[in-house]
Amino acid sequence: FFRVIRFDRNQVVNIFKGDDLELYFENEIGARRRLSGCDFLPALIGVDEKKKVFTEEYVCRHPFKSNSLRGLDPVDIAGRVREIIRQTRSAAPVRVTNREEYVAGLTAALLARPETDGDTRNYIRRLGVEACDRETVELVFSHGDFRKDQLFFGPAGELKVIDWENSGYFSRYRDPLEFFLSEEWLYNKPAVPPEWFLDVQRSQLRGDCALYLLELAHFPVRFRRNFLLTRNIPLIQKLEKRIRRKLLK
């Protein structure tokens, strides 16, 4: 959604790539300002609202990848990631809403799309039924795309998180599930079980996992990029298989 147009060892200049990406830009800058006091965020140096350009602190010592994690304590790293998620949630009030109404809004938007074929409709309806396992849902401020490739180690070994263009209010387990499913190294050892990282028993996660998948399916509609919907559903179905294998045994 954006590209680097200039950088040095002090700062990075980013520009968004199209006029149809205004919502991404608003989310990015809004999150940077909302979380400005958090040390896991690269400092925002300047913003040009008209040109959709922002300048941020350069922080990358090396990326958060398995080969860069050797020799590190998985409990420490997982704890630092969990704290980032906690601080992100704390940046805005929690919104407790009727779960059935929230799920109905997501499914209705997806079922209304002309590119949603019969098989996809059945899949979306099934996720909707599974997601409605409780009366309420907590919507919290979230990164929205909290994968391991959004994390970098800064100069002093601190963790920094980039790419906040998908941020907004999502269900409570959006960020931790996204990270858990993208990172293998932390969970190959019993020192960091899923229950510890997610702060919930796996037996209670089934409905939250279905809601997480439904939010992912809704992603293209939310950002008015509906052409991605048909491409998105097969990836979500693969992710569901992974969830069932890793979390819902």
Protein backbone atom coordinates (compact mmCIF):
# COMPACT_ATOMS: atom_id res chain seq x y z
CA PHE A 1 0.00 0.00 0.00
CA PHE A 2 2.96 2.33 0.37
CA ARG A 3 6.58 2.41 -0.66
CA VAL A 4 9.76 3.86 0.74
CA ILE A 5 10.92 6.82 -1.36
CA ARG A 6 13.95 7.74 0.73
CA PHE A 7 15.76 6.47 3.82
CA ASP A 8 19.02 6.68 5.69
CA ARG A 9 20.17 5.46 9.08
CA ASN A 10 18.11 8.15 10.81
CA GLN A 11 14.74 8.22 9.07
CA VAL A 12 12.48 6.61 6.47
CA VAL A 13 10.14 8.50 4.14
CA ASN A 14 7.02 6.56 3.04
CA ILE A 15 4.43 7.48 0.41
CA PHE A 16 1.08 5.78 -0.17
CA LYS A 17 0.67 4.59 -3.72
CA GLY A 18 -2.82 5.62 -4.82
CA ASP A 19 -5.75 7.97 -4.30
CA ASP A 20 -7.96 5.00 -3.40
CA LEU A 21 -5.88 4.30 -0.29
CA GLU A 22 -6.98 7.24 1.85
CA LEU A 23 -8.42 5.00 4.55
CA TYR A 24 -5.10 3.18 4.89
CA PHE A 25 -3.29 6.49 5.29
CA GLU A 26 -5.78 7.71 7.90
CA ASN A 27 -5.41 4.46 9.84
CA GLU A 28 -1.61 4.60 9.72
CA ILE A 29 -1.33 8.19 10.91
CA GLY A 30 -4.18 7.85 13.41
CA ALA A 31 -2.54 4.82 15.03
CA ARG A 32 0.88 6.52 15.13
CA ARG A 33 -0.61 9.49 16.94
CA ARG A 34 -2.76 7.41 19.27
CA LEU A 35 0.23 5.27 20.28
CA SER A 36 2.83 8.05 20.24
CA GLY A 37 3.90 7.41 23.83
CA CYS A 38 4.61 3.71 23.27
CA ASP A 39 8.25 2.72 22.87
CA PHE A 40 7.48 -0.09 20.41
CA LEU A 41 6.48 2.44 17.76
CA PRO A 42 9.02 4.09 15.43
CA ALA A 43 8.82 7.81 16.14
CA LEU A 44 6.66 9.79 13.70
CA ILE A 45 8.83 12.66 12.44
CA GLY A 46 6.56 14.39 9.94
CA VAL A 47 3.33 14.05 7.94
CA ASP A 48 2.19 15.60 4.66
CA GLU A 49 -1.57 14.96 4.61
CA LYS A 50 -2.01 16.26 1.06
CA LYS A 51 0.69 14.12 -0.55
CA LYS A 52 0.04 11.14 1.77
CA VAL A 53 3.67 11.09 2.85
CA PHE A 54 4.97 10.39 6.33
CA THR A 55 8.46 10.27 7.76
CA GLU A 56 9.37 7.94 10.61
CA GLU A 57 12.40 7.01 12.66
CA TYR A 58 14.66 4.35 11.14
CA VAL A 59 14.82 1.48 13.65
CA CYS A 60 15.72 -1.71 11.84
CA ARG A 61 18.70 -3.52 13.26
CA HIS A 62 17.39 -6.80 11.89
CA PRO A 63 13.94 -8.29 11.16
CA PHE A 64 11.98 -10.53 13.48
CA LYS A 65 12.69 -13.85 11.75
CA SER A 66 13.59 -17.30 12.99
CA ASN A 67 17.27 -16.93 12.07
CA SER A 68 17.45 -13.69 14.08
CA LEU A 69 15.90 -15.29 17.19
CA ARG A 70 18.57 -17.89 17.85
CA GLY A 71 19.99 -17.65 21.32
CA LEU A 72 17.04 -15.60 22.61
CA ASP A 73 14.66 -16.72 25.35
CA PRO A 74 11.27 -17.58 23.82
CA VAL A 75 9.43 -16.73 27.04
CA ASP A 76 11.03 -13.27 27.10
CA ILE A 77 10.25 -12.60 23.43
CA ALA A 78 6.66 -13.86 23.73
CA GLY A 79 6.19 -11.74 26.84
CA ARG A 80 7.40 -8.65 25.02
CA VAL A 81 5.03 -9.34 22.13
CA ARG A 82 2.14 -9.91 24.52
CA GLU A 83 2.93 -6.59 26.22
CA ILE A 84 2.86 -4.79 22.85
CA ILE A 85 -0.60 -6.23 22.19
CA ARG A 86 -1.73 -5.18 25.70
CA GLN A 87 -0.51 -1.61 25.25
CA THR A 88 -2.14 -1.38 21.83
CA ARG A 89 -5.46 -2.46 23.33
CA SER A 90 -5.06 0.06 26.15
CA ALA A 91 -4.70 2.96 23.70
CA ALA A 92 -8.50 3.21 23.33
CA PRO A 93 -11.56 2.19 25.38
CA VAL A 94 -12.87 -1.35 24.94
CA ARG A 95 -16.18 -1.54 23.11
CA VAL A 96 -18.44 -4.32 24.38
CA THR A 97 -21.17 -5.03 21.87
CA ASN A 98 -23.78 -7.65 21.07
CA ARG A 99 -21.93 -10.52 19.45
CA GLU A 100 -24.80 -11.68 17.24
CA GLU A 101 -25.29 -8.18 15.83
CA TYR A 102 -21.57 -7.75 15.16
CA VAL A 103 -21.34 -11.10 13.39
CA ALA A 104 -24.52 -10.38 11.43
CA GLY A 105 -22.99 -7.14 10.15
CA LEU A 106 -19.88 -8.93 8.91
CA THR A 107 -21.74 -11.78 7.24
CA ALA A 108 -24.35 -9.50 5.64
CA ALA A 109 -21.63 -7.36 4.04
CA LEU A 110 -19.94 -10.46 2.63
CA LEU A 111 -23.12 -12.15 1.42
CA ALA A 112 -24.18 -8.96 -0.35
CA ARG A 113 -21.12 -8.97 -2.60
CA PRO A 114 -21.94 -10.11 -6.17
CA GLU A 115 -18.65 -12.05 -6.41
CA THR A 116 -19.61 -14.24 -3.42
CA ASP A 117 -20.48 -17.60 -4.98
CA GLY A 118 -22.59 -20.38 -3.47
CA ASP A 119 -19.74 -22.25 -1.78
CA THR A 120 -18.40 -19.05 -0.28
CA ARG A 121 -21.86 -18.13 1.00
CA ASN A 122 -22.17 -21.48 2.76
CA TYR A 123 -18.70 -21.05 4.26
CA ILE A 124 -19.44 -17.54 5.52
CA ARG A 125 -22.74 -18.66 7.05
CA ARG A 126 -21.00 -21.53 8.86
CA LEU A 127 -18.37 -19.22 10.32
CA GLY A 128 -21.16 -16.87 11.41
CA VAL A 129 -22.94 -19.64 13.31
CA GLU A 130 -19.71 -20.81 14.99
CA ALA A 131 -18.76 -17.25 15.94
CA CYS A 132 -22.00 -16.66 17.86
CA ASP A 133 -21.06 -18.78 20.86
CA ARG A 134 -21.55 -16.02 23.45
CA GLU A 135 -23.79 -12.98 23.97
CA THR A 136 -21.15 -10.26 23.72
CA VAL A 137 -17.84 -9.52 22.01
CA GLU A 138 -15.06 -7.20 23.15
CA LEU A 139 -13.81 -4.99 20.33
CA VAL A 140 -10.37 -3.57 21.08
CA PHE A 141 -7.98 -1.28 19.23
CA SER A 142 -5.71 -3.58 17.21
CA HIS A 143 -2.86 -3.52 14.73
CA GLY A 144 -5.04 -5.55 12.37
CA ASP A 145 -2.17 -7.29 10.55
CA PHE A 146 0.08 -8.31 13.43
CA ARG A 147 2.34 -10.82 11.68
CA LYS A 148 5.96 -11.46 12.56
CA ASP A 149 7.16 -9.62 9.42
CA GLN A 150 5.78 -6.39 10.88
CA LEU A 151 8.24 -6.59 13.79
CA PHE A 152 11.88 -5.47 13.85
CA PHE A 153 14.61 -5.28 16.43
CA GLY A 154 15.80 -1.75 17.06
CA PRO A 155 19.37 -0.59 17.78
CA ALA A 156 19.27 -1.65 21.44
CA GLY A 157 17.46 -4.93 20.77
CA GLU A 158 14.01 -3.49 21.50
CA LEU A 159 11.00 -4.62 19.44
CA LYS A 160 9.44 -2.14 17.02
CA VAL A 161 6.18 -2.58 15.10
CA ILE A 162 5.51 -1.04 11.67
CA ASP A 163 2.64 -0.94 9.13
CA TRP A 164 -0.42 0.28 11.04
CA GLU A 165 -2.55 0.97 7.94
CA ASN A 166 -4.95 -1.89 8.82
CA SER A 167 -5.44 -0.78 12.42
CA GLY A 168 -8.85 -0.29 13.99
CA TYR A 169 -11.36 -1.98 16.28
CA PHE A 170 -11.46 -5.77 16.01
CA SER A 171 -12.33 -8.70 18.25
CA ARG A 172 -10.03 -9.26 21.18
CA TYR A 173 -8.02 -12.15 19.70
CA ARG A 174 -7.39 -10.63 16.27
CA ASP A 175 -3.77 -9.58 16.96
CA PRO A 176 -2.62 -12.50 19.16
CA LEU A 177 -4.08 -15.10 16.78
CA GLU A 178 -2.53 -13.36 13.78
CA PHE A 179 0.89 -13.39 15.43
CA PHE A 180 0.60 -16.91 16.81
CA LEU A 181 -0.31 -18.35 13.41
CA SER A 182 2.56 -16.55 11.65
CA GLU A 183 5.32 -17.48 14.10
CA GLU A 184 6.67 -21.01 14.48
CA TRP A 185 9.85 -20.53 16.51
CA LEU A 186 8.27 -19.35 19.76
CA TYR A 187 5.88 -22.29 19.93
CA ASN A 188 8.17 -25.18 19.09
CA LYS A 189 9.11 -25.35 22.76
CA PRO A 190 6.67 -26.10 25.59
CA ALA A 191 7.94 -23.01 27.43
CA VAL A 192 5.44 -20.88 25.49
CA PRO A 193 2.14 -22.77 25.18
CA PRO A 194 -0.75 -21.13 23.30
CA GLU A 195 -2.75 -20.72 26.51
CA TRP A 196 -0.01 -18.57 28.05
CA PHE A 197 0.32 -16.29 25.05
CA LEU A 198 -3.37 -15.95 24.25
CA ASP A 199 -4.47 -15.64 27.91
CA VAL A 200 -7.30 -18.09 27.38
CA GLN A 201 -7.91 -21.82 27.49
CA ARG A 202 -7.98 -23.41 24.05
CA SER A 203 -11.34 -25.00 24.84
CA GLN A 204 -12.82 -21.48 24.94
CA LEU A 205 -11.33 -20.33 21.62
CA ARG A 206 -13.53 -21.99 19.01
CA GLY A 207 -15.99 -19.13 18.60
CA ASP A 208 -13.23 -16.52 18.75
CA CYS A 209 -11.29 -18.32 16.01
CA ALA A 210 -14.39 -18.36 13.79
CA LEU A 211 -14.89 -14.64 14.45
CA TYR A 212 -11.24 -13.96 13.62
CA LEU A 213 -11.63 -15.77 10.27
CA LEU A 214 -14.82 -13.86 9.55
CA GLU A 215 -13.04 -10.54 10.19
CA LEU A 216 -10.26 -11.60 7.82
CA ALA A 217 -12.83 -12.45 5.16
CA HIS A 218 -14.41 -9.03 5.65
CA PHE A 219 -11.07 -7.25 5.25
CA PRO A 220 -11.38 -6.48 1.48
CA VAL A 221 -14.94 -5.17 1.93
CA ARG A 222 -13.88 -2.95 4.85
CA PHE A 223 -11.25 -1.28 2.68
CA ARG A 224 -13.38 -1.17 -0.47
CA ARG A 225 -11.09 -3.57 -2.32
CA ASN A 226 -13.73 -6.14 -3.14
CA PHE A 227 -11.76 -7.69 -5.98
CA LEU A 228 -9.61 -9.30 -3.28
CA LEU A 229 -12.54 -11.20 -1.77
CA THR A 230 -12.50 -14.25 -4.05
CA ARG A 231 -8.72 -14.44 -3.68
CA ASN A 232 -8.99 -14.12 0.10
CA ILE A 233 -11.43 -16.94 0.88
CA PRO A 234 -9.20 -19.89 -0.18
CA LEU A 235 -6.37 -18.48 1.97
CA ILE A 236 -8.73 -18.20 4.93
CA GLN A 237 -9.86 -21.79 4.47
CA LYS A 238 -6.23 -22.91 4.59
CA LEU A 239 -5.74 -20.83 7.72
CA GLU A 240 -8.76 -22.47 9.32
CA LYS A 241 -7.15 -25.88 8.80
CA ARG A 242 -4.04 -24.59 10.52
CA ILE A 243 -6.08 -23.26 13.43
CA ARG A 244 -7.80 -26.60 13.89
CA ARG A 245 -4.46 -28.40 13.80
CA LYS A 246 -2.64 -26.06 16.21
CA LEU A 247 -5.34 -24.75 18.54
CA LEU A 248 -8.57 -26.70 18.33
CA LYS A 249 -7.40 -30.29 18.67
